[in-house]
Amino acid sequence: MLFRKARQYGLPHPRGLLLAGIQGTGKSLTAKAIAHHWHLPLLRLDVGRLFAGLVGESESRTRQMIQLAEALAPCVLWIDEIDKAFAGVDGRSDAGTTSRVFGTFITWLSEKTSPVFVVATANNIQSLPPEVLRRGRFDEIFFVGLPNQTERQAIFSVHLTRLRPQNLGSYDLSRLAYETPDFSGAEIEQALIEAMHIGFSQNRDFTTEDILEASSEIVPLARSAQEQVEALLDWAKSGKARLASRASEVSMNSQLKQQLGGSE
């Protein structure tokens, strides 16, 4: 009903979103959630499989991908890690194949009229050609940052509710969230898996202490790749993307104040 009203009003089909951010923060999960929430089929495009050895085959595969997506419309087309596929597109020595595939793809992004909602994710946004970031390719570009303490507690709750619904009350969620600064959602999940290994090896259920022990052995990406993460944060602070949550905005403002010496 809402879709019909929007079309009658004159609004075009939404084009899609580009989700940029730190690895493990739920960008890919967001694409799945969008399709689930809208009750639409989800198509995952592996851009690397578009490229083939024979002359002209890569361009043909790209056109076939577009035709398939439009034939299944309305749908959500998920393009994971688009930055790895088209990074340095102008400097590749492949006889221009990547440039032609890229050109066909972004032209379709700009001119498509079918209800194919594209959700692209990128970890290294700065490696993408500027043509991708131009308005008109996507409706919006969002930055997905690391979860704050409240969000980490919610992430622990979600996973533990799935893993140990009968014992959820035995875990100190607030302590777990406090003791895991700079952890992404993926790193929190890995800490829980490691804690389960500890408990299983001792023939007992895993505890809050096991989770803390496991998390202490994990070096989060925000520390191991600090320079790259800081560069991504600087890009987001420059106003080139909208923040995916209010918490991300508060977190980045806090980091900016620290860099400025704590001044207001």
C-alpha atoms as a PDB file:
ATOM      1  CA  MET A   1       0.000   0.000   0.000  1.00  0.00           C
ATOM      2  CA  LEU A   2       2.753   2.447   0.967  1.00  0.00           C
ATOM      3  CA  PHE A   3       4.652   1.582  -2.213  1.00  0.00           C
ATOM      4  CA  ARG A   4       1.659   2.361  -4.404  1.00  0.00           C
ATOM      5  CA  LYS A   5       1.074   5.666  -2.625  1.00  0.00           C
ATOM      6  CA  ALA A   6       4.730   6.631  -3.105  1.00  0.00           C
ATOM      7  CA  ARG A   7       4.557   5.853  -6.816  1.00  0.00           C
ATOM      8  CA  GLN A   8       1.319   7.800  -7.200  1.00  0.00           C
ATOM      9  CA  TYR A   9       2.976  10.717  -5.433  1.00  0.00           C
ATOM     10  CA  GLY A  10       5.745  10.618  -8.032  1.00  0.00           C
ATOM     11  CA  LEU A  11       8.585   9.252  -5.926  1.00  0.00           C
ATOM     12  CA  PRO A  12      11.067   7.038  -7.810  1.00  0.00           C
ATOM     13  CA  HIS A  13      12.083   3.592  -6.654  1.00  0.00           C
ATOM     14  CA  PRO A  14      14.736   3.846  -3.903  1.00  0.00           C
ATOM     15  CA  ARG A  15      18.173   3.020  -5.321  1.00  0.00           C
ATOM     16  CA  GLY A  16      19.954   1.654  -2.294  1.00  0.00           C
ATOM     17  CA  LEU A  17      22.532   2.231   0.417  1.00  0.00           C
ATOM     18  CA  LEU A  18      26.293   2.115   0.746  1.00  0.00           C
ATOM     19  CA  LEU A  19      27.336   0.974   4.223  1.00  0.00           C
ATOM     20  CA  ALA A  20      30.913   1.864   5.137  1.00  0.00           C
ATOM     21  CA  GLY A  21      32.614   1.046   8.379  1.00  0.00           C
ATOM     22  CA  ILE A  22      34.885  -1.114  10.445  1.00  0.00           C
ATOM     23  CA  GLN A  23      34.884  -4.851   9.801  1.00  0.00           C
ATOM     24  CA  GLY A  24      32.607  -6.920  11.985  1.00  0.00           C
ATOM     25  CA  THR A  25      30.155  -4.147  12.853  1.00  0.00           C
ATOM     26  CA  GLY A  26      27.130  -5.714  11.159  1.00  0.00           C
ATOM     27  CA  LYS A  27      27.075  -4.167   7.693  1.00  0.00           C
ATOM     28  CA  SER A  28      26.342  -7.475   5.970  1.00  0.00           C
ATOM     29  CA  LEU A  29      23.774  -8.352   8.610  1.00  0.00           C
ATOM     30  CA  THR A  30      22.032  -5.067   7.845  1.00  0.00           C
ATOM     31  CA  ALA A  31      21.538  -6.125   4.223  1.00  0.00           C
ATOM     32  CA  LYS A  32      19.914  -9.357   5.390  1.00  0.00           C
ATOM     33  CA  ALA A  33      17.753  -7.474   7.890  1.00  0.00           C
ATOM     34  CA  ILE A  34      16.499  -5.067   5.218  1.00  0.00           C
ATOM     35  CA  ALA A  35      15.380  -7.924   2.976  1.00  0.00           C
ATOM     36  CA  HIS A  36      13.741  -9.712   5.906  1.00  0.00           C
ATOM     37  CA  HIS A  37      11.956  -6.569   7.103  1.00  0.00           C
ATOM     38  CA  TRP A  38      10.637  -5.782   3.628  1.00  0.00           C
ATOM     39  CA  HIS A  39       9.761  -9.431   2.891  1.00  0.00           C
ATOM     40  CA  LEU A  40      11.797  -9.322  -0.326  1.00  0.00           C
ATOM     41  CA  PRO A  41      14.159 -11.906  -1.840  1.00  0.00           C
ATOM     42  CA  LEU A  42      17.828 -11.272  -1.076  1.00  0.00           C
ATOM     43  CA  LEU A  43      20.383 -11.743  -3.842  1.00  0.00           C
ATOM     44  CA  ARG A  44      24.081 -11.784  -2.975  1.00  0.00           C
ATOM     45  CA  LEU A  45      26.453 -10.643  -5.696  1.00  0.00           C
ATOM     46  CA  ASP A  46      30.007 -11.958  -5.580  1.00  0.00           C
ATOM     47  CA  VAL A  47      31.655  -9.306  -7.758  1.00  0.00           C
ATOM     48  CA  GLY A  48      34.780 -11.413  -8.157  1.00  0.00           C
ATOM     49  CA  ARG A  49      32.804 -14.046 -10.068  1.00  0.00           C
ATOM     50  CA  LEU A  50      31.848 -11.487 -12.699  1.00  0.00           C
ATOM     51  CA  PHE A  51      35.394 -11.555 -14.015  1.00  0.00           C
ATOM     52  CA  ALA A  52      36.408 -14.262 -16.476  1.00  0.00           C
ATOM     53  CA  GLY A  53      39.427 -15.030 -18.611  1.00  0.00           C
ATOM     54  CA  LEU A  54      37.852 -14.810 -22.064  1.00  0.00           C
ATOM     55  CA  VAL A  55      37.591 -11.470 -23.824  1.00  0.00           C
ATOM     56  CA  GLY A  56      34.148  -9.955 -23.374  1.00  0.00           C
ATOM     57  CA  GLU A  57      32.919 -12.630 -20.957  1.00  0.00           C
ATOM     58  CA  SER A  58      33.192 -10.398 -17.876  1.00  0.00           C
ATOM     59  CA  GLU A  59      31.030  -7.717 -19.481  1.00  0.00           C
ATOM     60  CA  SER A  60      28.537 -10.397 -20.545  1.00  0.00           C
ATOM     61  CA  ARG A  61      28.321 -11.765 -17.006  1.00  0.00           C
ATOM     62  CA  THR A  62      27.700  -8.258 -15.676  1.00  0.00           C
ATOM     63  CA  ARG A  63      24.800  -7.766 -18.068  1.00  0.00           C
ATOM     64  CA  GLN A  64      23.402 -11.179 -17.118  1.00  0.00           C
ATOM     65  CA  MET A  65      23.595 -10.236 -13.430  1.00  0.00           C
ATOM     66  CA  ILE A  66      21.659  -7.047 -14.101  1.00  0.00           C
ATOM     67  CA  GLN A  67      19.023  -8.889 -16.132  1.00  0.00           C
ATOM     68  CA  LEU A  68      18.599 -11.532 -13.411  1.00  0.00           C
ATOM     69  CA  ALA A  69      18.226  -8.948 -10.646  1.00  0.00           C
ATOM     70  CA  GLU A  70      15.657  -6.986 -12.639  1.00  0.00           C
ATOM     71  CA  ALA A  71      13.767 -10.161 -13.516  1.00  0.00           C
ATOM     72  CA  LEU A  72      13.417 -10.977  -9.796  1.00  0.00           C
ATOM     73  CA  ALA A  73      12.477  -7.419  -8.798  1.00  0.00           C
ATOM     74  CA  PRO A  74      11.330  -6.222  -6.391  1.00  0.00           C
ATOM     75  CA  CYS A  75      14.330  -7.556  -4.504  1.00  0.00           C
ATOM     76  CA  VAL A  76      17.371  -6.571  -2.470  1.00  0.00           C
ATOM     77  CA  LEU A  77      20.763  -6.943  -4.161  1.00  0.00           C
ATOM     78  CA  TRP A  78      23.552  -7.306  -1.616  1.00  0.00           C
ATOM     79  CA  ILE A  79      27.068  -6.469  -2.812  1.00  0.00           C
ATOM     80  CA  ASP A  80      29.538  -7.405  -0.086  1.00  0.00           C
ATOM     81  CA  GLU A  81      32.930  -5.658   0.120  1.00  0.00           C
ATOM     82  CA  ILE A  82      32.510  -3.653  -3.055  1.00  0.00           C
ATOM     83  CA  ASP A  83      35.771  -1.865  -2.227  1.00  0.00           C
ATOM     84  CA  LYS A  84      37.807  -5.023  -2.884  1.00  0.00           C
ATOM     85  CA  ALA A  85      36.273  -5.485  -6.314  1.00  0.00           C
ATOM     86  CA  PHE A  86      36.809  -1.987  -7.685  1.00  0.00           C
ATOM     87  CA  ALA A  87      39.777  -0.634  -5.717  1.00  0.00           C
ATOM     88  CA  GLY A  88      42.304   1.011  -8.030  1.00  0.00           C
ATOM     89  CA  VAL A  89      40.126   0.341 -11.051  1.00  0.00           C
ATOM     90  CA  ASP A  90      41.992   2.827 -13.258  1.00  0.00           C
ATOM     91  CA  GLY A  91      45.395   1.356 -12.551  1.00  0.00           C
ATOM     92  CA  ARG A  92      44.723  -2.318 -13.203  1.00  0.00           C
ATOM     93  CA  SER A  93      46.616  -3.999 -16.016  1.00  0.00           C
ATOM     94  CA  ASP A  94      43.804  -6.216 -17.323  1.00  0.00           C
ATOM     95  CA  ALA A  95      43.292  -4.619 -20.732  1.00  0.00           C
ATOM     96  CA  GLY A  96      40.528  -2.447 -19.341  1.00  0.00           C
ATOM     97  CA  THR A  97      38.195  -5.285 -18.359  1.00  0.00           C
ATOM     98  CA  THR A  98      37.697  -4.012 -14.807  1.00  0.00           C
ATOM     99  CA  SER A  99      37.044  -0.485 -16.075  1.00  0.00           C
ATOM    100  CA  ARG A 100      34.392  -1.703 -18.501  1.00  0.00           C
ATOM    101  CA  VAL A 101      32.680  -3.873 -15.884  1.00  0.00           C
ATOM    102  CA  PHE A 102      32.797  -0.977 -13.443  1.00  0.00           C
ATOM    103  CA  GLY A 103      31.400   1.415 -16.031  1.00  0.00           C
ATOM    104  CA  THR A 104      28.507  -0.891 -16.858  1.00  0.00           C
ATOM    105  CA  PHE A 105      27.721  -1.381 -13.194  1.00  0.00           C
ATOM    106  CA  ILE A 106      27.699   2.266 -12.091  1.00  0.00           C
ATOM    107  CA  THR A 107      25.739   3.289 -15.193  1.00  0.00           C
ATOM    108  CA  TRP A 108      23.086   0.787 -14.203  1.00  0.00           C
ATOM    109  CA  LEU A 109      23.114   2.129 -10.639  1.00  0.00           C
ATOM    110  CA  SER A 110      22.377   5.616 -11.939  1.00  0.00           C
ATOM    111  CA  GLU A 111      19.830   4.765 -14.614  1.00  0.00           C
ATOM    112  CA  LYS A 112      17.959   1.738 -13.273  1.00  0.00           C
ATOM    113  CA  THR A 113      14.207   2.135 -12.990  1.00  0.00           C
ATOM    114  CA  SER A 114      13.359  -1.340 -11.720  1.00  0.00           C
ATOM    115  CA  PRO A 115      12.731  -1.861  -7.971  1.00  0.00           C
ATOM    116  CA  VAL A 116      16.117  -3.420  -7.203  1.00  0.00           C
ATOM    117  CA  PHE A 117      17.331  -2.051  -3.871  1.00  0.00           C
ATOM    118  CA  VAL A 118      21.132  -2.269  -3.780  1.00  0.00           C
ATOM    119  CA  VAL A 119      22.926  -2.617  -0.446  1.00  0.00           C
ATOM    120  CA  ALA A 120      26.693  -2.379  -0.861  1.00  0.00           C
ATOM    121  CA  THR A 121      29.186  -2.731   1.977  1.00  0.00           C
ATOM    122  CA  ALA A 122      32.743  -1.424   2.145  1.00  0.00           C
ATOM    123  CA  ASN A 123      35.499  -1.608   4.751  1.00  0.00           C
ATOM    124  CA  ASN A 124      38.012   0.641   2.988  1.00  0.00           C
ATOM    125  CA  ILE A 125      35.870   3.415   1.570  1.00  0.00           C
ATOM    126  CA  GLN A 126      38.895   5.466   0.521  1.00  0.00           C
ATOM    127  CA  SER A 127      39.922   2.855  -2.040  1.00  0.00           C
ATOM    128  CA  LEU A 128      36.652   3.191  -3.953  1.00  0.00           C
ATOM    129  CA  PRO A 129      36.565   5.265  -7.140  1.00  0.00           C
ATOM    130  CA  PRO A 130      34.860   8.634  -6.519  1.00  0.00           C
ATOM    131  CA  GLU A 131      32.212   7.777  -9.119  1.00  0.00           C
ATOM    132  CA  VAL A 132      30.688   5.282  -6.687  1.00  0.00           C
ATOM    133  CA  LEU A 133      30.280   7.936  -4.011  1.00  0.00           C
ATOM    134  CA  ARG A 134      28.595  10.464  -6.268  1.00  0.00           C
ATOM    135  CA  ARG A 135      25.003  11.317  -5.426  1.00  0.00           C
ATOM    136  CA  GLY A 136      22.614   9.386  -7.620  1.00  0.00           C
ATOM    137  CA  ARG A 137      24.360   6.027  -7.378  1.00  0.00           C
ATOM    138  CA  PHE A 138      22.978   5.408  -3.883  1.00  0.00           C
ATOM    139  CA  ASP A 139      20.284   7.179  -1.915  1.00  0.00           C
ATOM    140  CA  GLU A 140      22.545   7.464   1.103  1.00  0.00           C
ATOM    141  CA  ILE A 141      25.973   6.532   2.449  1.00  0.00           C
ATOM    142  CA  PHE A 142      26.049   5.450   6.085  1.00  0.00           C
ATOM    143  CA  PHE A 143      29.017   4.993   8.404  1.00  0.00           C
ATOM    144  CA  VAL A 144      28.726   2.040  10.799  1.00  0.00           C
ATOM    145  CA  GLY A 145      31.014   2.490  13.785  1.00  0.00           C
ATOM    146  CA  LEU A 146      31.998   0.345  16.740  1.00  0.00           C
ATOM    147  CA  PRO A 147      29.266  -0.342  19.306  1.00  0.00           C
ATOM    148  CA  ASN A 148      29.330   1.668  22.507  1.00  0.00           C
ATOM    149  CA  GLN A 149      28.989   0.065  25.942  1.00  0.00           C
ATOM    150  CA  THR A 150      25.188   0.002  25.874  1.00  0.00           C
ATOM    151  CA  GLU A 151      25.191  -1.553  22.411  1.00  0.00           C
ATOM    152  CA  ARG A 152      27.810  -4.137  23.407  1.00  0.00           C
ATOM    153  CA  GLN A 153      25.599  -5.189  26.292  1.00  0.00           C
ATOM    154  CA  ALA A 154      22.708  -5.629  23.888  1.00  0.00           C
ATOM    155  CA  ILE A 155      24.913  -7.701  21.556  1.00  0.00           C
ATOM    156  CA  PHE A 156      25.961  -9.971  24.434  1.00  0.00           C
ATOM    157  CA  SER A 157      22.308 -10.324  25.381  1.00  0.00           C
ATOM    158  CA  VAL A 158      21.274 -11.313  21.852  1.00  0.00           C
ATOM    159  CA  HIS A 159      23.946 -14.000  21.540  1.00  0.00           C
ATOM    160  CA  LEU A 160      23.515 -15.403  25.046  1.00  0.00           C
ATOM    161  CA  THR A 161      19.740 -15.488  24.653  1.00  0.00           C
ATOM    162  CA  ARG A 162      20.312 -17.707  21.633  1.00  0.00           C
ATOM    163  CA  LEU A 163      23.062 -19.833  23.206  1.00  0.00           C
ATOM    164  CA  ARG A 164      21.844 -20.151  26.833  1.00  0.00           C
ATOM    165  CA  PRO A 165      18.277 -18.851  27.074  1.00  0.00           C
ATOM    166  CA  GLN A 166      17.677 -20.790  30.294  1.00  0.00           C
ATOM    167  CA  ASN A 167      20.776 -19.350  32.038  1.00  0.00           C
ATOM    168  CA  LEU A 168      20.802 -15.777  30.712  1.00  0.00           C
ATOM    169  CA  GLY A 169      20.388 -14.332  34.207  1.00  0.00           C
ATOM    170  CA  SER A 170      23.632 -15.959  35.366  1.00  0.00           C
ATOM    171  CA  TYR A 171      25.757 -13.785  33.071  1.00  0.00           C
ATOM    172  CA  ASP A 172      26.875 -10.308  34.111  1.00  0.00           C
ATOM    173  CA  LEU A 173      26.049  -8.470  30.898  1.00  0.00           C
ATOM    174  CA  SER A 174      26.982  -5.019  32.151  1.00  0.00           C
ATOM    175  CA  ARG A 175      30.430  -6.214  33.233  1.00  0.00           C
ATOM    176  CA  LEU A 176      30.989  -8.001  29.947  1.00  0.00           C
ATOM    177  CA  ALA A 177      30.130  -4.825  28.032  1.00  0.00           C
ATOM    178  CA  TYR A 178      32.391  -2.714  30.250  1.00  0.00           C
ATOM    179  CA  GLU A 179      35.358  -5.073  29.913  1.00  0.00           C
ATOM    180  CA  THR A 180      35.261  -5.230  26.089  1.00  0.00           C
ATOM    181  CA  PRO A 181      36.016  -1.705  24.825  1.00  0.00           C
ATOM    182  CA  ASP A 182      36.769  -1.401  21.096  1.00  0.00           C
ATOM    183  CA  PHE A 183      35.158  -4.800  20.392  1.00  0.00           C
ATOM    184  CA  SER A 184      33.018  -5.190  17.310  1.00  0.00           C
ATOM    185  CA  GLY A 185      29.965  -7.414  17.186  1.00  0.00           C
ATOM    186  CA  ALA A 186      31.924 -10.119  15.389  1.00  0.00           C
ATOM    187  CA  GLU A 187      34.666 -10.039  18.032  1.00  0.00           C
ATOM    188  CA  ILE A 188      32.087 -10.336  20.811  1.00  0.00           C
ATOM    189  CA  GLU A 189      30.660 -13.414  19.100  1.00  0.00           C
ATOM    190  CA  GLN A 190      34.146 -14.910  18.792  1.00  0.00           C
ATOM    191  CA  ALA A 191      34.796 -14.314  22.503  1.00  0.00           C
ATOM    192  CA  LEU A 192      31.645 -16.262  23.308  1.00  0.00           C
ATOM    193  CA  ILE A 193      32.722 -19.143  21.082  1.00  0.00           C
ATOM    194  CA  GLU A 194      36.132 -19.257  22.778  1.00  0.00           C
ATOM    195  CA  ALA A 195      34.435 -19.224  26.187  1.00  0.00           C
ATOM    196  CA  MET A 196      32.290 -22.169  25.135  1.00  0.00           C
ATOM    197  CA  HIS A 197      35.456 -24.082  24.228  1.00  0.00           C
ATOM    198  CA  ILE A 198      36.818 -23.383  27.714  1.00  0.00           C
ATOM    199  CA  GLY A 199      33.679 -24.646  29.394  1.00  0.00           C
ATOM    200  CA  PHE A 200      33.387 -27.665  27.119  1.00  0.00           C
ATOM    201  CA  SER A 201      37.003 -28.712  27.724  1.00  0.00           C
ATOM    202  CA  GLN A 202      36.303 -28.756  31.482  1.00  0.00           C
ATOM    203  CA  ASN A 203      32.976 -30.574  31.142  1.00  0.00           C
ATOM    204  CA  ARG A 204      30.871 -27.680  32.480  1.00  0.00           C
ATOM    205  CA  ASP A 205      28.905 -24.724  31.212  1.00  0.00           C
ATOM    206  CA  PHE A 206      30.799 -21.550  30.354  1.00  0.00           C
ATOM    207  CA  THR A 207      30.600 -18.569  32.703  1.00  0.00           C
ATOM    208  CA  THR A 208      31.079 -14.812  32.727  1.00  0.00           C
ATOM    209  CA  GLU A 209      34.674 -15.372  33.836  1.00  0.00           C
ATOM    210  CA  ASP A 210      35.266 -17.666  30.862  1.00  0.00           C
ATOM    211  CA  ILE A 211      33.991 -14.979  28.502  1.00  0.00           C
ATOM    212  CA  LEU A 212      36.258 -12.378  30.112  1.00  0.00           C
ATOM    213  CA  GLU A 213      39.232 -14.745  29.881  1.00  0.00           C
ATOM    214  CA  ALA A 214      38.501 -15.386  26.214  1.00  0.00           C
ATOM    215  CA  SER A 215      38.058 -11.690  25.438  1.00  0.00           C
ATOM    216  CA  SER A 216      41.373 -10.883  27.101  1.00  0.00           C
ATOM    217  CA  GLU A 217      43.099 -13.085  24.515  1.00  0.00           C
ATOM    218  CA  ILE A 218      41.497 -11.234  21.579  1.00  0.00           C
ATOM    219  CA  VAL A 219      43.135  -8.132  20.173  1.00  0.00           C
ATOM    220  CA  PRO A 220      40.306  -6.173  18.526  1.00  0.00           C
ATOM    221  CA  LEU A 221      40.784  -4.810  15.038  1.00  0.00           C
ATOM    222  CA  ALA A 222      40.428  -1.287  16.399  1.00  0.00           C
ATOM    223  CA  ARG A 223      43.819  -1.831  18.072  1.00  0.00           C
ATOM    224  CA  SER A 224      45.616  -4.180  15.692  1.00  0.00           C
ATOM    225  CA  ALA A 225      44.772  -1.985  12.683  1.00  0.00           C
ATOM    226  CA  GLN A 226      44.586   1.304  14.530  1.00  0.00           C
ATOM    227  CA  GLU A 227      45.893   3.494  11.696  1.00  0.00           C
ATOM    228  CA  GLN A 228      43.385   2.152   9.174  1.00  0.00           C
ATOM    229  CA  VAL A 229      40.517   2.477  11.648  1.00  0.00           C
ATOM    230  CA  GLU A 230      41.510   6.037  12.532  1.00  0.00           C
ATOM    231  CA  ALA A 231      41.679   6.936   8.830  1.00  0.00           C
ATOM    232  CA  LEU A 232      38.156   5.579   8.382  1.00  0.00           C
ATOM    233  CA  LEU A 233      36.936   7.557  11.399  1.00  0.00           C
ATOM    234  CA  ASP A 234      38.535  10.732  10.030  1.00  0.00           C
ATOM    235  CA  TRP A 235      36.751  10.141   6.724  1.00  0.00           C
ATOM    236  CA  ALA A 236      33.424   9.748   8.513  1.00  0.00           C
ATOM    237  CA  LYS A 237      34.025  12.860  10.637  1.00  0.00           C
ATOM    238  CA  SER A 238      34.552  14.913   7.491  1.00  0.00           C
ATOM    239  CA  GLY A 239      30.827  14.719   6.783  1.00  0.00           C
ATOM    240  CA  LYS A 240      31.033  12.450   3.739  1.00  0.00           C
ATOM    241  CA  ALA A 241      28.623   9.918   5.238  1.00  0.00           C
ATOM    242  CA  ARG A 242      25.679   9.891   7.589  1.00  0.00           C
ATOM    243  CA  LEU A 243      26.153   8.146  10.911  1.00  0.00           C
ATOM    244  CA  ALA A 244      24.174   4.942  11.220  1.00  0.00           C
ATOM    245  CA  SER A 245      23.300   5.632  14.858  1.00  0.00           C
ATOM    246  CA  ARG A 246      23.258   8.441  17.374  1.00  0.00           C
ATOM    247  CA  ALA A 247      25.714   6.400  19.428  1.00  0.00           C
ATOM    248  CA  SER A 248      28.256   6.567  16.600  1.00  0.00           C
ATOM    249  CA  GLU A 249      27.924  10.345  16.527  1.00  0.00           C
ATOM    250  CA  VAL A 250      28.443  10.657  20.288  1.00  0.00           C
ATOM    251  CA  SER A 251      31.440   8.303  20.135  1.00  0.00           C
ATOM    252  CA  MET A 252      33.111  10.198  17.304  1.00  0.00           C
ATOM    253  CA  ASN A 253      32.486  13.566  18.952  1.00  0.00           C
ATOM    254  CA  SER A 254      34.122  12.220  22.105  1.00  0.00           C
ATOM    255  CA  GLN A 255      37.148  11.030  20.126  1.00  0.00           C
ATOM    256  CA  LEU A 256      37.385  14.392  18.372  1.00  0.00           C
ATOM    257  CA  LYS A 257      37.391  16.229  21.717  1.00  0.00           C
ATOM    258  CA  GLN A 258      40.190  13.980  22.968  1.00  0.00           C
ATOM    259  CA  GLN A 259      42.242  14.802  19.875  1.00  0.00           C
ATOM    260  CA  LEU A 260      41.656  18.509  20.517  1.00  0.00           C
ATOM    261  CA  GLY A 261      42.806  18.206  24.112  1.00  0.00           C
ATOM    262  CA  GLY A 262      39.384  17.858  25.680  1.00  0.00           C
ATOM    263  CA  SER A 263      38.239  21.366  24.773  1.00  0.00           C
ATOM    264  CA  GLU A 264      34.585  22.124  24.235  1.00  0.00           C
END
